[in-house]
C-alpha atoms as a PDB file:
ATOM      1  CA  MET A   1     146.310 -97.565 148.323  1.00  0.00           C
ATOM      2  CA  HIS A   2     145.113 -97.124 144.768  1.00  0.00           C
ATOM      3  CA  SER A   3     146.490 -94.558 142.312  1.00  0.00           C
ATOM      4  CA  TRP A   4     145.248 -93.364 138.953  1.00  0.00           C
ATOM      5  CA  LEU A   5     145.589 -90.433 136.563  1.00  0.00           C
ATOM      6  CA  GLU A   6     142.820 -87.998 135.720  1.00  0.00           C
ATOM      7  CA  VAL A   7     142.651 -84.924 133.518  1.00  0.00           C
ATOM      8  CA  ASP A   8     141.428 -81.589 134.901  1.00  0.00           C
ATOM      9  CA  ASP A   9     139.274 -79.017 133.091  1.00  0.00           C
ATOM     10  CA  ALA A  10     142.382 -77.403 131.581  1.00  0.00           C
ATOM     11  CA  GLY A  11     143.576 -80.723 130.108  1.00  0.00           C
ATOM     12  CA  ARG A  12     146.411 -81.245 132.620  1.00  0.00           C
ATOM     13  CA  GLN A  13     147.173 -84.572 134.253  1.00  0.00           C
ATOM     14  CA  VAL A  14     146.210 -84.961 137.919  1.00  0.00           C
ATOM     15  CA  LEU A  15     147.409 -87.775 140.159  1.00  0.00           C
ATOM     16  CA  ALA A  16     144.683 -89.226 142.376  1.00  0.00           C
ATOM     17  CA  ARG A  17     145.158 -91.669 145.235  1.00  0.00           C
ATOM     18  CA  ARG A  18     142.676 -93.401 147.521  1.00  0.00           C
ATOM     19  CA  GLY A  19     143.293 -95.323 150.698  1.00  0.00           C
ATOM     20  CA  THR A  20     142.290 -95.707 154.311  1.00  0.00           C
ATOM     21  CA  GLY A  21     143.721 -94.205 157.459  1.00  0.00           C
ATOM     22  CA  ILE A  22     143.074 -91.989 160.449  1.00  0.00           C
ATOM     23  CA  VAL A  23     142.820 -88.195 160.563  1.00  0.00           C
ATOM     24  CA  THR A  24     145.552 -87.099 162.986  1.00  0.00           C
ATOM     25  CA  ALA A  25     145.465 -83.292 162.697  1.00  0.00           C
ATOM     26  CA  ILE A  26     143.572 -80.362 161.211  1.00  0.00           C
ATOM     27  CA  VAL A  27     145.575 -77.140 160.966  1.00  0.00           C
ATOM     28  CA  PRO A  28     144.214 -73.763 159.785  1.00  0.00           C
ATOM     29  CA  LEU A  29     146.625 -72.014 157.420  1.00  0.00           C
ATOM     30  CA  GLY A  30     147.204 -68.318 157.150  1.00  0.00           C
ATOM     31  CA  ASP A  31     147.651 -65.269 159.322  1.00  0.00           C
ATOM     32  CA  ALA A  32     146.263 -65.609 162.855  1.00  0.00           C
ATOM     33  CA  SER A  33     144.660 -62.161 162.584  1.00  0.00           C
ATOM     34  CA  THR A  34     142.361 -63.228 159.733  1.00  0.00           C
ATOM     35  CA  ALA A  35     140.044 -66.175 159.269  1.00  0.00           C
ATOM     36  CA  ALA A  36     141.833 -69.089 157.610  1.00  0.00           C
ATOM     37  CA  THR A  37     140.575 -69.858 154.124  1.00  0.00           C
ATOM     38  CA  LEU A  38     142.535 -73.106 153.875  1.00  0.00           C
ATOM     39  CA  VAL A  39     143.162 -75.917 156.302  1.00  0.00           C
ATOM     40  CA  ARG A  40     145.638 -78.781 156.112  1.00  0.00           C
ATOM     41  CA  VAL A  41     144.252 -82.200 157.022  1.00  0.00           C
ATOM     42  CA  GLU A  42     146.850 -84.745 158.095  1.00  0.00           C
ATOM     43  CA  ILE A  43     145.906 -88.379 157.492  1.00  0.00           C
ATOM     44  CA  GLN A  44     148.047 -91.276 158.704  1.00  0.00           C
ATOM     45  CA  CYS A  45     147.663 -93.872 155.963  1.00  0.00           C
ATOM     46  CA  ASP A  46     147.183 -97.586 156.486  1.00  0.00           C
ATOM     47  CA  ALA A  47     149.835 -99.883 155.057  1.00  0.00           C
ATOM     48  CA  PRO A  48     148.825-101.689 151.866  1.00  0.00           C
ATOM     49  CA  VAL A  49     147.177-105.063 152.452  1.00  0.00           C
ATOM     50  CA  GLY A  50     149.803-107.783 152.713  1.00  0.00           C
ATOM     51  CA  SER A  51     152.663-105.372 153.346  1.00  0.00           C
ATOM     52  CA  PRO A  52     154.156-104.857 156.781  1.00  0.00           C
ATOM     53  CA  ARG A  53     154.294-101.239 157.836  1.00  0.00           C
ATOM     54  CA  ALA A  54     157.987-100.356 157.760  1.00  0.00           C
ATOM     55  CA  ILE A  55     157.573 -96.655 157.092  1.00  0.00           C
ATOM     56  CA  LYS A  56     154.753 -94.434 158.288  1.00  0.00           C
ATOM     57  CA  TYR A  57     153.110 -92.690 155.390  1.00  0.00           C
ATOM     58  CA  SER A  58     150.809 -89.724 155.712  1.00  0.00           C
ATOM     59  CA  VAL A  59     149.152 -87.299 153.342  1.00  0.00           C
ATOM     60  CA  HIS A  60     148.646 -83.609 154.042  1.00  0.00           C
ATOM     61  CA  PRO A  61     146.001 -82.347 151.627  1.00  0.00           C
ATOM     62  CA  LEU A  62     144.544 -78.852 151.674  1.00  0.00           C
ATOM     63  CA  LEU A  63     140.880 -78.086 152.018  1.00  0.00           C
ATOM     64  CA  ALA A  64     138.876 -74.855 151.826  1.00  0.00           C
ATOM     65  CA  SER A  65     137.605 -73.826 155.251  1.00  0.00           C
ATOM     66  CA  ASP A  66     134.040 -73.663 153.908  1.00  0.00           C
ATOM     67  CA  ASP A  67     134.121 -77.161 152.347  1.00  0.00           C
ATOM     68  CA  ASP A  68     131.626 -79.702 153.724  1.00  0.00           C
ATOM     69  CA  LEU A  69     134.455 -82.237 154.047  1.00  0.00           C
ATOM     70  CA  LEU A  70     135.896 -80.181 156.907  1.00  0.00           C
ATOM     71  CA  ALA A  71     133.046 -81.252 159.215  1.00  0.00           C
ATOM     72  CA  VAL A  72     133.692 -84.893 158.230  1.00  0.00           C
ATOM     73  CA  ALA A  73     137.390 -84.420 158.996  1.00  0.00           C
ATOM     74  CA  HIS A  74     136.633 -82.938 162.433  1.00  0.00           C
ATOM     75  CA  ARG A  75     134.299 -85.843 163.317  1.00  0.00           C
ATOM     76  CA  ALA A  76     136.951 -88.334 162.187  1.00  0.00           C
ATOM     77  CA  LEU A  77     139.626 -86.559 164.231  1.00  0.00           C
ATOM     78  CA  ASP A  78     137.441 -86.446 167.345  1.00  0.00           C
ATOM     79  CA  SER A  79     136.472 -90.121 167.121  1.00  0.00           C
ATOM     80  CA  ALA A  80     139.821 -91.467 165.828  1.00  0.00           C
ATOM     81  CA  SER A  81     137.777 -93.543 163.389  1.00  0.00           C
ATOM     82  CA  VAL A  82     139.059 -95.070 160.169  1.00  0.00           C
ATOM     83  CA  VAL A  83     138.267 -93.099 157.015  1.00  0.00           C
ATOM     84  CA  GLU A  84     138.567 -93.678 153.312  1.00  0.00           C
ATOM     85  CA  TRP A  85     140.322 -90.695 151.764  1.00  0.00           C
ATOM     86  CA  THR A  86     140.865 -89.475 148.217  1.00  0.00           C
ATOM     87  CA  VAL A  87     143.571 -86.920 147.470  1.00  0.00           C
ATOM     88  CA  GLU A  88     144.344 -85.267 144.130  1.00  0.00           C
ATOM     89  CA  TRP A  89     147.701 -83.696 143.313  1.00  0.00           C
ATOM     90  CA  HIS A  90     147.276 -80.678 141.017  1.00  0.00           C
ATOM     91  CA  ARG A  91     150.362 -79.051 139.516  1.00  0.00           C
ATOM     92  CA  HIS A  92     151.079 -75.431 140.372  1.00  0.00           C
ATOM     93  CA  ASP A  93     150.194 -72.914 137.668  1.00  0.00           C
ATOM     94  CA  TRP A  94     153.860 -72.263 136.859  1.00  0.00           C
ATOM     95  CA  ILE A  95     154.563 -75.948 136.074  1.00  0.00           C
ATOM     96  CA  PRO A  96     154.203 -76.598 132.316  1.00  0.00           C
ATOM     97  CA  SER A  97     151.092 -78.609 131.461  1.00  0.00           C
ATOM     98  CA  ASP A  98     152.916 -80.771 128.917  1.00  0.00           C
ATOM     99  CA  LEU A  99     155.010 -82.451 131.647  1.00  0.00           C
ATOM    100  CA  PRO A 100     153.526 -85.769 132.759  1.00  0.00           C
ATOM    101  CA  VAL A 101     152.465 -85.741 136.404  1.00  0.00           C
ATOM    102  CA  SER A 102     154.716 -88.776 136.967  1.00  0.00           C
ATOM    103  CA  SER A 103     157.772 -86.584 136.298  1.00  0.00           C
ATOM    104  CA  LEU A 104     156.833 -84.005 138.938  1.00  0.00           C
ATOM    105  CA  ASN A 105     158.121 -83.774 142.484  1.00  0.00           C
ATOM    106  CA  LEU A 106     154.756 -83.832 144.236  1.00  0.00           C
ATOM    107  CA  THR A 107     156.123 -82.000 147.277  1.00  0.00           C
ATOM    108  CA  SER A 108     157.313 -78.929 145.385  1.00  0.00           C
ATOM    109  CA  ASP A 109     155.565 -79.031 141.999  1.00  0.00           C
ATOM    110  CA  ALA A 110     152.004 -79.844 143.037  1.00  0.00           C
ATOM    111  CA  ARG A 111     149.407 -79.128 145.695  1.00  0.00           C
ATOM    112  CA  ALA A 112     147.489 -81.951 147.375  1.00  0.00           C
ATOM    113  CA  ARG A 113     143.735 -81.358 147.623  1.00  0.00           C
ATOM    114  CA  LEU A 114     141.347 -83.438 149.676  1.00  0.00           C
ATOM    115  CA  ALA A 115     138.742 -84.701 147.200  1.00  0.00           C
ATOM    116  CA  GLY A 116     136.916 -87.234 149.355  1.00  0.00           C
ATOM    117  CA  LEU A 117     136.659 -88.337 152.975  1.00  0.00           C
ATOM    118  CA  GLU A 118     134.170 -90.743 154.486  1.00  0.00           C
ATOM    119  CA  PRO A 119     134.026 -92.937 157.571  1.00  0.00           C
ATOM    120  CA  VAL A 120     134.679 -96.654 157.185  1.00  0.00           C
ATOM    121  CA  GLU A 121     132.495 -99.050 159.129  1.00  0.00           C
ATOM    122  CA  VAL A 122     134.728-101.554 160.938  1.00  0.00           C
ATOM    123  CA  PRO A 123     132.849-104.618 162.234  1.00  0.00           C
ATOM    124  CA  ASP A 124     133.118-105.207 165.996  1.00  0.00           C
ATOM    125  CA  SER A 125     134.417-108.733 165.336  1.00  0.00           C
ATOM    126  CA  ILE A 126     137.490-107.291 163.641  1.00  0.00           C
ATOM    127  CA  LEU A 127     138.098-104.820 166.465  1.00  0.00           C
ATOM    128  CA  THR A 128     137.662-107.558 169.094  1.00  0.00           C
ATOM    129  CA  GLY A 129     140.051-109.852 167.231  1.00  0.00           C
ATOM    130  CA  SER A 130     142.652-107.090 167.083  1.00  0.00           C
ATOM    131  CA  ARG A 131     142.401-106.469 170.806  1.00  0.00           C
ATOM    132  CA  ASP A 132     142.740-110.213 171.533  1.00  0.00           C
ATOM    133  CA  ARG A 133     145.968-110.399 169.523  1.00  0.00           C
ATOM    134  CA  LEU A 134     147.406-107.442 171.458  1.00  0.00           C
ATOM    135  CA  SER A 135     146.710-109.024 174.860  1.00  0.00           C
END
């Protein structure tokens, strides 16, 4: 997983992360009586290269229901294929902009937004080798 800082249009720091994983859920948010305007995409993240997976890590970014990435997320969920994801954490409006993003509690002080999602081509030789090791 790679992380970096960006600056949004208002001059506030944004934390961005990119990695690979599998889409495990897509959940519409909002009242059941109205059409959802936001969906939460759950992505189970791959462990960093060279590190054993001791703790499962997942991201739960939000996405507008009319965003083109939603169709990509549905295809990835249906096929259980590996994706490369990019998520940006934007601070809530009530969090002062002069606080560095590194000092925020991302769970309560920021909102995760899905900024990128694309399938990753995995060569058959890698998949075959993985199956052989499991046998």
